[in-house]
Amino acid sequence: MTNPTAEAISTLAAGTALRYATDTIVILGKGPSADLVHTRVFNDAVVIGINDAERIHPTDITIFYEDWVEESVAEDGFRSAAYVTSTDFVAPGRDIVKLPFRALSNDAEDQMLLRFQDRSEVAIEEAMFLTALEIARAIADHRGRQQTVYMVGFDFTPDAGMARAAASQYRPQLSSRRRAGMELQEFILRNALYTLKDSNLDVHHVGTREFSDLTPELLNERFRVTVKEAAALPMTEPEIEVPSVEITAEITTNHFGDLNRLEKLVRAAHAAGADWVKVQKRDVETFYTAEQLAKPYKSPFGTSFGDYRRQLELDKAGFTFLDELTKDLGIKWFASVLDKPSFQWMTGELDIPLVKLPSTISRKKDYLEYVANNYTGSLVISTGMTDKAYEDWLLETFTKQDTLYLLHCNSAYPTPDEHTNIGVVRHYAELAQQQASKPGPRIVPGYSSHDFGWMASALAVAAGAGMVEKHVKLGNTEWAHFDAVAVDLTTDAFKEYVDAVRKAQLHVGSTEKKITASEHHKY
């Protein structure tokens, strides 16, 4: 008969495994070497944290048994999707699995390793990396293939302190017992690594111990984050000219109101090379009818469509989190604002850097006119499901703004190749040239991609686009609706999209006809 603890971990592992396409797991401790590991290492991996290591990077699962951890993770805003604990811990909106705690002593080491090898019972071992490794094995069981595991931040150097990112007031003093326990745990890890040879886990300890097979620097190189200085060009080589193109990762509401998920989306978009991330804001109570909100709708957030839609909206704390995160990373954000109450709230409560008026609301002329008359900042306007008359109306109505990003798009998901009509982007580029010498907003032509792949966006760059957008998501769920063209950030698809757009910029190059350094006469 299956032990209830093993069954609970199996269920948790199954749900976690579904969220990612890669076969990478990171087990995160709090040693100072964790500061040296690039965030890209974590982006597409299942991350299992020990104690409050989620302060270093958001985790999918956090394991702990001491009360002080509860205060620390609560203070930092619960940055894990699930918690495995022996305490009576409460974290609203998070999965919690309760397991018994097994203390470590010199005479119990064999029993601890026996439990690890037997697998019939799962406990929170004082050497918590054993519990983390068992969860990793359970994930491998569900995926049916070997998983690569990187153990980050397990330095076993008590005098060196902890990672800077993990610093908090909630941590126990390093007593002589703790120091001895840490030394004993290093030997337990060696034994565990031996046990896992030829198993469904390929475990790599990241550090500088005798048994480490990767340093943080080598791990970063594996994930292509080594920064190398570009070779200096000869003084006679002219600077390469490329048109400016801003790439937006359009998150929409695919964060599900979960800041942990939002952070992963933003970090992955940033790592792929996006310039902007975009979310949405609507006033659920007025955007939908009371009848629509009351309709039955099955989701993890309740039983009605209203329960579902309300969960997807970010509040002020969520937008503040997004603003601070993007500033830290060096990427920018903006939002589609779909109704007047949301517009008044966002421009009154937040310092929103850019507002988008999407194709969804192109028929709501009263709201659009209100924005035109009450907002002088820069606007992004998509023109899906509209014609030349709407274009003329936009140019006549929006005259007070600093910049209008005029984004051609087709509102079909997906857009058939024959309906992308990238020639419209060229037309918008011509409008931009005509407007340049006139009073009123500067026009930036662009393209919002609802087609598959990168080809249309690359062609849009050649047609003069200064901004391109692509919908993104983070894996799939059984209950959420994703539009057919959203690119999964747990794969390399968005990175390939960004690379293709950047290559298109390079191909477009200069508008001035001149002799380049690579040219020479053959005869």
Protein backbone atom coordinates (compact mmCIF):
# COMPACT_ATOMS: atom_id res chain seq x y z
CA MET A 1 0.00 0.00 0.00
CA THR A 2 1.36 3.44 -0.93
CA ASN A 3 2.35 5.59 2.03
CA PRO A 4 0.21 8.80 2.20
CA THR A 5 3.33 10.96 2.36
CA ALA A 6 4.76 9.46 -0.83
CA GLU A 7 1.37 9.81 -2.50
CA ALA A 8 1.13 13.50 -1.54
CA ILE A 9 4.58 14.21 -2.95
CA SER A 10 3.74 12.28 -6.11
CA THR A 11 0.64 14.43 -6.65
CA LEU A 12 2.60 17.64 -6.06
CA ALA A 13 5.34 16.49 -8.44
CA ALA A 14 2.83 15.64 -11.14
CA GLY A 15 1.27 19.11 -11.07
CA THR A 16 4.66 20.81 -11.04
CA ALA A 17 5.99 18.71 -13.91
CA LEU A 18 3.14 19.87 -16.16
CA ARG A 19 4.22 23.52 -15.96
CA TYR A 20 7.52 23.13 -17.79
CA ALA A 21 8.69 21.61 -21.05
CA THR A 22 12.37 21.31 -20.11
CA ASP A 23 13.96 18.48 -18.11
CA THR A 24 15.86 20.78 -15.76
CA ILE A 25 15.44 21.07 -12.00
CA VAL A 26 17.29 23.51 -9.74
CA ILE A 27 17.51 22.79 -6.01
CA LEU A 28 18.29 26.12 -4.38
CA GLY A 29 20.07 26.63 -1.07
CA LYS A 30 21.24 29.86 0.52
CA GLY A 31 25.02 29.61 0.26
CA PRO A 32 26.83 32.70 -1.08
CA SER A 33 27.67 31.01 -4.39
CA ALA A 34 23.98 31.38 -5.31
CA ASP A 35 24.67 35.09 -5.88
CA LEU A 36 26.97 34.12 -8.76
CA VAL A 37 24.37 32.12 -10.70
CA HIS A 38 22.59 33.99 -13.50
CA THR A 39 18.79 34.22 -13.41
CA ARG A 40 18.54 32.56 -16.82
CA VAL A 41 19.56 29.27 -15.18
CA PHE A 42 16.27 29.32 -13.23
CA ASN A 43 13.90 30.61 -15.89
CA ASP A 44 12.81 27.39 -17.61
CA ALA A 45 13.52 25.03 -14.70
CA VAL A 46 11.50 23.60 -11.86
CA VAL A 47 12.99 25.38 -8.82
CA ILE A 48 12.86 23.70 -5.40
CA GLY A 49 13.97 25.96 -2.57
CA ILE A 50 15.22 25.18 0.94
CA ASN A 51 13.94 27.35 3.82
CA ASP A 52 13.47 30.92 2.51
CA ALA A 53 15.71 30.56 -0.56
CA GLU A 54 12.75 31.92 -2.52
CA ARG A 55 14.17 35.33 -1.54
CA ILE A 56 16.95 34.62 -4.04
CA HIS A 57 14.62 33.52 -6.85
CA PRO A 58 10.93 32.53 -7.00
CA THR A 59 10.46 28.81 -6.48
CA ASP A 60 7.90 26.23 -7.51
CA ILE A 61 8.24 24.33 -4.24
CA THR A 62 9.70 25.46 -0.90
CA ILE A 63 10.65 22.99 1.85
CA PHE A 64 11.04 23.95 5.52
CA TYR A 65 10.36 22.76 9.08
CA GLU A 66 11.26 25.72 11.34
CA ASP A 67 8.82 28.45 12.37
CA TRP A 68 11.16 31.34 11.51
CA VAL A 69 10.84 30.48 7.82
CA GLU A 70 7.09 31.19 7.96
CA GLU A 71 7.77 34.79 8.97
CA SER A 72 10.50 35.26 6.39
CA VAL A 73 8.54 34.01 3.37
CA ALA A 74 5.43 35.91 4.49
CA GLU A 75 7.45 39.12 4.74
CA ASP A 76 8.78 38.60 1.21
CA GLY A 77 5.32 37.96 -0.23
CA PHE A 78 5.16 34.16 -0.71
CA ARG A 79 7.32 33.67 -3.79
CA SER A 80 6.71 29.94 -4.07
CA ALA A 81 3.83 28.15 -5.77
CA ALA A 82 3.74 25.37 -3.14
CA TYR A 83 5.12 24.65 0.33
CA VAL A 84 6.18 21.35 1.86
CA THR A 85 6.38 21.74 5.62
CA SER A 86 5.89 20.04 8.97
CA THR A 87 4.40 23.19 10.57
CA ASP A 88 0.82 24.50 10.61
CA PHE A 89 1.75 26.96 7.88
CA VAL A 90 -0.94 28.95 6.05
CA ALA A 91 -0.29 30.68 2.72
CA PRO A 92 -3.44 31.83 0.88
CA GLY A 93 -3.58 30.71 -2.72
CA ARG A 94 -0.64 28.31 -2.37
CA ASP A 95 -0.57 24.52 -2.30
CA ILE A 96 0.64 23.13 1.04
CA VAL A 97 1.78 19.56 1.66
CA LYS A 98 2.37 18.58 5.29
CA LEU A 99 5.01 15.95 6.04
CA PRO A 100 6.55 14.66 9.27
CA PHE A 101 9.94 16.03 10.28
CA ARG A 102 12.88 13.71 10.89
CA ALA A 103 15.75 15.18 12.92
CA LEU A 104 19.37 14.39 12.14
CA SER A 105 21.80 12.91 14.62
CA ASN A 106 24.97 10.92 14.20
CA ASP A 107 23.29 7.64 14.98
CA ALA A 108 20.30 8.35 12.69
CA GLU A 109 22.28 9.03 9.53
CA ASP A 110 21.90 5.47 8.28
CA GLN A 111 18.16 5.55 8.86
CA MET A 112 17.89 8.81 6.94
CA LEU A 113 19.73 7.37 3.95
CA LEU A 114 17.71 4.17 4.21
CA ARG A 115 14.48 6.18 3.91
CA PHE A 116 15.99 8.00 0.94
CA GLN A 117 16.81 4.75 -0.85
CA ASP A 118 13.63 2.91 0.13
CA ARG A 119 11.29 5.77 -0.99
CA SER A 120 8.21 4.22 0.62
CA GLU A 121 8.01 7.02 3.18
CA VAL A 122 8.76 10.67 2.47
CA ALA A 123 9.62 13.05 5.31
CA ILE A 124 11.14 16.47 5.73
CA GLU A 125 14.63 15.40 6.59
CA GLU A 126 16.81 17.79 8.54
CA ALA A 127 19.12 17.41 5.55
CA MET A 128 16.33 18.99 3.48
CA PHE A 129 18.12 18.53 0.16
CA LEU A 130 17.21 14.83 0.52
CA THR A 131 13.52 15.76 0.48
CA ALA A 132 14.17 18.06 -2.47
CA LEU A 133 15.94 15.25 -4.33
CA GLU A 134 13.01 12.92 -3.61
CA ILE A 135 10.62 15.47 -5.12
CA ALA A 136 12.93 15.69 -8.13
CA ARG A 137 12.80 11.89 -8.45
CA ALA A 138 9.00 12.03 -8.32
CA ILE A 139 9.01 14.60 -11.14
CA ALA A 140 11.28 12.32 -13.16
CA ASP A 141 8.89 9.44 -12.47
CA HIS A 142 5.99 11.40 -13.91
CA ARG A 143 7.93 12.61 -16.92
CA GLY A 144 9.25 9.14 -17.58
CA ARG A 145 12.76 10.30 -18.38
CA GLN A 146 15.96 11.41 -16.68
CA GLN A 147 16.06 14.93 -15.23
CA THR A 148 19.13 17.15 -14.95
CA VAL A 149 19.41 18.58 -11.44
CA TYR A 150 21.65 21.50 -10.45
CA MET A 151 22.24 21.95 -6.73
CA VAL A 152 22.92 25.66 -6.25
CA GLY A 153 23.84 27.39 -3.00
CA PHE A 154 24.89 24.29 -1.02
CA ASP A 155 28.37 25.54 -0.10
CA PHE A 156 28.78 23.95 3.36
CA THR A 157 30.85 26.98 4.43
CA PRO A 158 29.15 28.22 7.60
CA ASP A 159 31.60 31.06 8.20
CA ALA A 160 30.99 32.52 4.73
CA GLY A 161 27.41 33.47 5.55
CA MET A 162 24.61 33.28 3.03
CA ALA A 163 23.70 34.71 -0.35
CA ARG A 164 23.14 38.48 -0.26
CA ALA A 165 19.74 38.08 -1.92
CA ALA A 166 18.59 35.81 0.91
CA ALA A 167 19.42 38.20 3.73
CA SER A 168 16.60 38.75 6.22
CA GLN A 169 16.08 39.32 9.90
CA TYR A 170 14.51 35.88 10.17
CA ARG A 171 17.33 33.40 10.51
CA PRO A 172 18.67 31.39 13.42
CA GLN A 173 22.09 31.94 14.91
CA LEU A 174 24.81 29.56 13.80
CA SER A 175 25.21 27.49 16.96
CA SER A 176 27.82 24.81 17.44
CA ARG A 177 25.08 22.23 16.85
CA ARG A 178 24.13 23.84 13.55
CA ARG A 179 27.77 23.98 12.47
CA ALA A 180 28.22 20.28 13.27
CA GLY A 181 24.97 19.48 11.50
CA MET A 182 26.11 21.30 8.38
CA GLU A 183 29.35 19.32 8.33
CA LEU A 184 27.42 16.08 8.70
CA GLN A 185 25.05 17.08 5.90
CA GLU A 186 27.97 17.45 3.50
CA PHE A 187 28.81 13.79 4.02
CA ILE A 188 25.15 12.84 3.62
CA LEU A 189 25.05 14.66 0.28
CA ARG A 190 28.10 12.74 -0.92
CA ASN A 191 26.32 9.49 -0.03
CA ALA A 192 23.13 10.65 -1.76
CA LEU A 193 25.02 11.53 -4.94
CA TYR A 194 26.53 8.05 -4.92
CA THR A 195 23.10 6.51 -4.45
CA LEU A 196 21.69 8.47 -7.41
CA LYS A 197 24.27 7.27 -9.93
CA ASP A 198 22.51 5.53 -12.84
CA SER A 199 19.13 6.76 -11.54
CA ASN A 200 16.50 8.96 -13.18
CA LEU A 201 18.38 12.04 -11.88
CA ASP A 202 21.62 13.42 -13.31
CA VAL A 203 22.72 15.54 -10.33
CA HIS A 204 25.37 18.27 -10.54
CA HIS A 205 26.63 19.99 -7.41
CA VAL A 206 27.50 23.60 -8.24
CA GLY A 207 30.35 24.90 -6.12
CA THR A 208 33.98 24.36 -5.22
CA ARG A 209 33.85 21.23 -3.05
CA GLU A 210 35.76 18.08 -4.01
CA PHE A 211 32.57 16.50 -5.31
CA SER A 212 31.42 19.59 -7.25
CA ASP A 213 31.40 19.09 -11.00
CA LEU A 214 30.43 22.66 -11.96
CA THR A 215 31.38 26.09 -10.69
CA PRO A 216 28.78 28.87 -10.90
CA GLU A 217 30.73 30.33 -13.83
CA LEU A 218 30.63 27.04 -15.76
CA LEU A 219 26.92 26.68 -15.02
CA ASN A 220 26.32 30.15 -16.46
CA GLU A 221 28.25 29.17 -19.57
CA ARG A 222 25.95 26.17 -20.01
CA PHE A 223 23.05 28.56 -20.18
CA ARG A 224 24.88 30.90 -22.57
CA VAL A 225 25.17 33.87 -20.24
CA THR A 226 28.91 34.43 -20.40
CA VAL A 227 29.61 38.05 -21.26
CA LYS A 228 32.50 38.57 -23.60
CA GLU A 229 33.91 41.85 -24.76
CA ALA A 230 33.38 42.41 -28.46
CA ALA A 231 36.52 42.68 -30.50
CA ALA A 232 37.28 46.29 -31.32
CA LEU A 233 36.54 47.24 -34.92
CA PRO A 234 39.28 48.89 -36.95
CA MET A 235 39.15 52.65 -36.76
CA THR A 236 38.35 52.81 -40.46
CA GLU A 237 35.27 50.55 -40.12
CA PRO A 238 32.10 52.68 -40.13
CA GLU A 239 29.51 52.10 -37.43
CA ILE A 240 26.86 49.57 -38.45
CA GLU A 241 23.48 51.23 -38.88
CA VAL A 242 20.29 49.38 -37.92
CA PRO A 243 16.75 50.74 -37.55
CA SER A 244 15.38 51.01 -34.02
CA VAL A 245 12.81 48.31 -33.22
CA GLU A 246 11.20 47.79 -29.80
CA ILE A 247 10.08 44.21 -29.09
CA THR A 248 7.14 43.66 -26.73
CA ALA A 249 6.37 40.38 -24.98
CA GLU A 250 2.60 40.57 -24.63
CA ILE A 251 1.76 38.73 -21.40
CA THR A 252 -1.93 39.78 -21.41
CA THR A 253 -3.40 38.07 -18.29
CA ASN A 254 -1.32 34.90 -18.58
CA HIS A 255 0.15 35.60 -15.14
CA PHE A 256 -3.26 34.58 -13.64
CA GLY A 257 -2.83 37.24 -10.96
CA ASP A 258 0.06 35.20 -9.51
CA LEU A 259 3.11 37.40 -8.88
CA ASN A 260 5.40 34.37 -8.83
CA ARG A 261 4.21 33.42 -12.32
CA LEU A 262 4.40 37.06 -13.43
CA GLU A 263 8.02 37.28 -12.32
CA LYS A 264 8.93 34.16 -14.28
CA LEU A 265 7.25 35.56 -17.39
CA VAL A 266 9.06 38.89 -17.07
CA ARG A 267 12.43 37.32 -16.37
CA ALA A 268 12.09 34.92 -19.30
CA ALA A 269 11.05 37.73 -21.67
CA HIS A 270 13.99 39.81 -20.49
CA ALA A 271 16.41 36.91 -20.91
CA ALA A 272 15.16 36.42 -24.48
CA GLY A 273 15.92 40.05 -25.33
CA ALA A 274 12.54 41.83 -25.22
CA ASP A 275 12.43 45.60 -24.64
CA TRP A 276 8.94 45.69 -23.11
CA VAL A 277 6.48 43.41 -21.35
CA LYS A 278 2.79 44.22 -21.57
CA VAL A 279 -0.10 43.25 -19.32
CA GLN A 280 -3.81 44.16 -19.29
CA LYS A 281 -6.14 46.04 -16.98
CA ARG A 282 -9.92 46.06 -17.04
CA ASP A 283 -12.65 46.84 -14.51
CA VAL A 284 -14.29 43.43 -14.35
CA GLU A 285 -17.54 44.67 -12.77
CA THR A 286 -18.28 47.09 -15.64
CA PHE A 287 -16.48 45.47 -18.57
CA TYR A 288 -18.73 42.40 -18.33
CA THR A 289 -22.44 42.23 -17.60
CA ALA A 290 -23.73 40.87 -14.30
CA GLU A 291 -25.22 37.98 -16.25
CA GLN A 292 -21.85 37.10 -17.78
CA LEU A 293 -20.07 37.26 -14.43
CA ALA A 294 -22.62 34.95 -12.81
CA LYS A 295 -22.34 32.21 -15.41
CA PRO A 296 -20.79 28.90 -14.26
CA TYR A 297 -17.09 28.64 -15.09
CA LYS A 298 -14.75 25.99 -13.73
CA SER A 299 -11.31 27.23 -12.60
CA PRO A 300 -9.08 26.99 -9.52
CA PHE A 301 -10.43 30.38 -8.44
CA GLY A 302 -14.12 29.58 -8.01
CA THR A 303 -17.22 28.39 -9.80
CA SER A 304 -18.26 31.44 -11.83
CA PHE A 305 -16.86 33.41 -14.73
CA GLY A 306 -16.64 36.40 -12.38
CA ASP A 307 -14.43 34.47 -9.96
CA TYR A 308 -12.12 33.60 -12.85
CA ARG A 309 -11.90 37.10 -14.35
CA ARG A 310 -11.39 38.85 -11.00
CA GLN A 311 -8.39 36.62 -10.23
CA LEU A 312 -6.69 37.60 -13.49
CA GLU A 313 -6.50 41.29 -12.61
CA LEU A 314 -3.46 42.86 -10.98
CA ASP A 315 -4.09 45.27 -8.11
CA LYS A 316 -1.92 48.21 -7.11
CA ALA A 317 0.49 45.95 -5.23
CA GLY A 318 0.80 43.77 -8.34
CA PHE A 319 1.57 46.70 -10.61
CA THR A 320 4.04 48.09 -8.07
CA PHE A 321 5.75 44.69 -8.00
CA LEU A 322 5.89 44.70 -11.82
CA ASP A 323 7.30 48.22 -11.89
CA GLU A 324 10.04 47.45 -9.36
CA LEU A 325 10.92 44.13 -11.01
CA THR A 326 11.28 45.63 -14.48
CA LYS A 327 13.40 48.48 -13.15
CA ASP A 328 15.70 45.98 -11.44
CA LEU A 329 16.05 43.94 -14.64
CA GLY A 330 16.35 46.85 -17.07
CA ILE A 331 13.23 46.02 -19.10
CA LYS A 332 10.15 48.27 -19.46
CA TRP A 333 6.42 47.58 -19.02
CA PHE A 334 3.11 48.98 -20.17
CA ALA A 335 -0.52 47.91 -20.14
CA SER A 336 -3.57 47.62 -22.35
CA VAL A 337 -6.20 49.67 -20.51
CA LEU A 338 -9.61 48.51 -21.66
CA ASP A 339 -12.10 50.87 -20.02
CA LYS A 340 -12.53 54.30 -18.47
CA PRO A 341 -12.54 53.22 -14.79
CA SER A 342 -9.27 51.34 -15.33
CA PHE A 343 -7.76 54.29 -17.21
CA GLN A 344 -8.69 56.73 -14.43
CA TRP A 345 -7.34 54.36 -11.78
CA MET A 346 -4.07 53.62 -13.56
CA THR A 347 -3.25 57.20 -14.52
CA GLY A 348 -4.30 58.41 -11.05
CA GLU A 349 -2.73 55.72 -8.86
CA LEU A 350 0.26 54.62 -10.95
CA ASP A 351 3.05 56.17 -12.96
CA ILE A 352 2.27 54.08 -16.04
CA PRO A 353 4.98 54.63 -18.66
CA LEU A 354 2.88 53.83 -21.72
CA VAL A 355 -0.81 53.13 -22.34
CA LYS A 356 -2.17 50.79 -24.99
CA LEU A 357 -5.63 50.97 -26.54
CA PRO A 358 -6.11 47.53 -28.10
CA SER A 359 -8.21 46.44 -31.05
CA THR A 360 -10.68 44.89 -28.60
CA ILE A 361 -12.13 48.33 -27.83
CA SER A 362 -11.89 49.98 -31.25
CA ARG A 363 -15.69 50.43 -31.32
CA LYS A 364 -15.82 52.17 -27.93
CA LYS A 365 -15.42 55.65 -29.39
CA ASP A 366 -16.62 57.45 -26.23
CA TYR A 367 -13.85 55.90 -24.16
CA LEU A 368 -11.23 56.46 -26.86
CA GLU A 369 -12.21 60.14 -27.14
CA TYR A 370 -11.96 60.48 -23.35
CA VAL A 371 -8.38 59.18 -23.47
CA ALA A 372 -7.55 61.45 -26.41
CA ASN A 373 -8.74 64.50 -24.48
CA ASN A 374 -7.30 63.59 -21.07
CA TYR A 375 -3.94 61.97 -21.73
CA THR A 376 -0.86 63.56 -23.26
CA GLY A 377 1.59 60.74 -22.76
CA SER A 378 2.57 58.17 -25.37
CA LEU A 379 -0.03 55.71 -26.65
CA VAL A 380 0.10 52.37 -28.40
CA ILE A 381 -2.95 51.80 -30.59
CA SER A 382 -3.64 48.51 -32.39
CA THR A 383 -5.84 48.63 -35.48
CA GLY A 384 -7.16 45.07 -35.77
CA MET A 385 -10.67 44.70 -37.19
CA THR A 386 -10.70 48.31 -38.48
CA ASP A 387 -10.40 50.03 -41.85
CA LYS A 388 -9.16 53.28 -43.43
CA ALA A 389 -12.03 55.24 -41.87
CA TYR A 390 -10.83 54.27 -38.38
CA GLU A 391 -7.29 55.29 -39.27
CA ASP A 392 -8.52 58.73 -40.38
CA TRP A 393 -10.55 59.07 -37.19
CA LEU A 394 -7.54 58.20 -35.03
CA LEU A 395 -5.34 60.81 -36.67
CA GLU A 396 -8.06 63.46 -36.32
CA THR A 397 -8.84 62.56 -32.69
CA PHE A 398 -5.44 61.88 -31.09
CA THR A 399 -3.61 65.18 -31.47
CA LYS A 400 -2.38 65.94 -27.92
CA GLN A 401 -0.15 62.94 -27.37
CA ASP A 402 3.62 62.84 -27.42
CA THR A 403 3.90 59.67 -29.54
CA LEU A 404 1.43 57.36 -31.25
CA TYR A 405 2.65 53.82 -31.80
CA LEU A 406 0.32 52.82 -34.63
CA LEU A 407 0.32 49.02 -34.73
CA HIS A 408 -1.17 47.20 -37.68
CA CYS A 409 -2.67 43.84 -36.74
CA ASN A 410 -5.26 41.32 -37.78
CA SER A 411 -7.59 40.19 -34.99
CA ALA A 412 -7.76 36.55 -36.09
CA TYR A 413 -5.97 34.08 -33.79
CA PRO A 414 -4.08 32.81 -35.67
CA THR A 415 -3.88 35.21 -38.60
CA PRO A 416 -3.62 33.37 -41.93
CA ASP A 417 -0.45 34.22 -43.85
CA GLU A 418 -2.45 35.75 -46.68
CA HIS A 419 -4.18 38.17 -44.27
CA THR A 420 -1.15 39.59 -42.46
CA ASN A 421 -0.94 42.38 -45.07
CA ILE A 422 2.42 43.73 -43.96
CA GLY A 423 2.09 46.38 -46.65
CA VAL A 424 -0.09 48.27 -44.14
CA VAL A 425 3.00 48.73 -41.96
CA ARG A 426 4.72 50.37 -44.93
CA HIS A 427 1.68 52.64 -45.28
CA TYR A 428 1.95 53.60 -41.59
CA ALA A 429 5.66 54.33 -42.13
CA GLU A 430 4.66 56.72 -44.90
CA LEU A 431 2.14 58.37 -42.53
CA ALA A 432 4.94 58.78 -40.01
CA GLN A 433 7.09 60.56 -42.58
CA GLN A 434 4.23 62.87 -43.53
CA GLN A 435 3.46 63.64 -39.88
CA ALA A 436 7.10 64.37 -39.00
CA SER A 437 6.92 67.92 -40.35
CA LYS A 438 3.50 68.71 -38.84
CA PRO A 439 2.34 69.64 -35.33
CA GLY A 440 0.95 66.82 -33.23
CA PRO A 441 2.20 63.45 -32.07
CA ARG A 442 5.12 61.60 -33.57
CA ILE A 443 3.96 58.39 -35.25
CA VAL A 444 5.85 55.12 -34.83
CA PRO A 445 4.62 52.38 -37.19
CA GLY A 446 4.45 48.86 -35.82
CA TYR A 447 3.00 45.38 -36.00
CA SER A 448 1.12 43.30 -33.43
CA SER A 449 1.68 39.69 -34.42
CA HIS A 450 -1.19 37.24 -34.22
CA ASP A 451 0.36 34.95 -36.82
CA PHE A 452 2.57 31.94 -36.22
CA GLY A 453 6.33 32.35 -36.12
CA TRP A 454 8.56 35.30 -36.90
CA MET A 455 8.37 35.80 -40.67
CA ALA A 456 5.64 38.46 -40.73
CA SER A 457 7.31 40.42 -37.91
CA ALA A 458 10.66 40.33 -39.71
CA LEU A 459 8.93 41.61 -42.86
CA ALA A 460 7.27 44.32 -40.75
CA VAL A 461 10.73 45.50 -39.69
CA ALA A 462 11.69 45.74 -43.37
CA ALA A 463 8.47 47.70 -43.98
CA GLY A 464 9.44 50.25 -41.31
CA ALA A 465 8.04 48.92 -38.02
CA GLY A 466 9.47 50.55 -34.92
CA MET A 467 7.65 48.18 -32.56
CA VAL A 468 6.56 44.55 -32.85
CA GLU A 469 4.52 42.53 -30.36
CA LYS A 470 4.22 38.81 -29.71
CA HIS A 471 1.87 37.07 -27.27
CA VAL A 472 3.63 34.91 -24.66
CA LYS A 473 2.65 32.38 -21.99
CA LEU A 474 4.38 30.17 -19.41
CA GLY A 475 3.57 26.55 -20.13
CA ASN A 476 0.00 25.26 -20.30
CA THR A 477 -2.71 24.52 -17.76
CA GLU A 478 -5.79 22.33 -18.04
CA TRP A 479 -8.22 25.12 -17.20
CA ALA A 480 -6.85 28.35 -18.71
CA HIS A 481 -7.55 29.65 -22.20
CA PHE A 482 -4.48 30.60 -24.20
CA ASP A 483 -4.81 32.12 -27.63
CA ALA A 484 -3.45 29.88 -30.36
CA VAL A 485 -0.47 32.09 -31.17
CA ALA A 486 0.92 32.68 -27.65
CA VAL A 487 4.56 31.60 -27.58
CA ASP A 488 5.60 29.39 -24.67
CA LEU A 489 8.41 30.98 -22.65
CA THR A 490 9.39 27.58 -21.26
CA THR A 491 10.72 26.82 -24.77
CA ASP A 492 13.18 28.66 -27.02
CA ALA A 493 10.42 29.89 -29.38
CA PHE A 494 10.33 33.49 -28.13
CA LYS A 495 14.13 33.73 -28.10
CA GLU A 496 14.08 32.54 -31.72
CA TYR A 497 11.45 35.20 -32.50
CA VAL A 498 13.55 37.96 -30.92
CA ASP A 499 16.69 36.76 -32.71
CA ALA A 500 14.86 36.77 -36.06
CA VAL A 501 13.62 40.33 -35.52
CA ARG A 502 17.12 41.49 -34.55
CA LYS A 503 18.51 39.81 -37.66
CA ALA A 504 15.88 41.58 -39.75
CA GLN A 505 17.07 44.90 -38.28
CA LEU A 506 20.58 44.01 -39.37
CA HIS A 507 19.43 43.14 -42.88
CA VAL A 508 17.47 46.38 -43.24
CA GLY A 509 20.46 48.42 -42.15
CA SER A 510 20.92 51.87 -43.64
CA THR A 511 18.62 53.75 -46.03
CA GLU A 512 21.64 55.48 -47.58
CA LYS A 513 23.15 53.82 -50.62
CA LYS A 514 26.92 53.69 -50.17
CA ILE A 515 29.94 51.44 -50.67
CA THR A 516 30.39 49.09 -47.70
CA ALA A 517 33.65 47.79 -46.27
CA SER A 518 32.89 44.26 -47.52
CA GLU A 519 32.60 45.26 -51.20
CA HIS A 520 35.31 44.98 -53.83
CA HIS A 521 35.51 44.67 -57.62
CA LYS A 522 36.04 41.19 -58.99
CA TYR A 523 37.58 42.35 -62.27
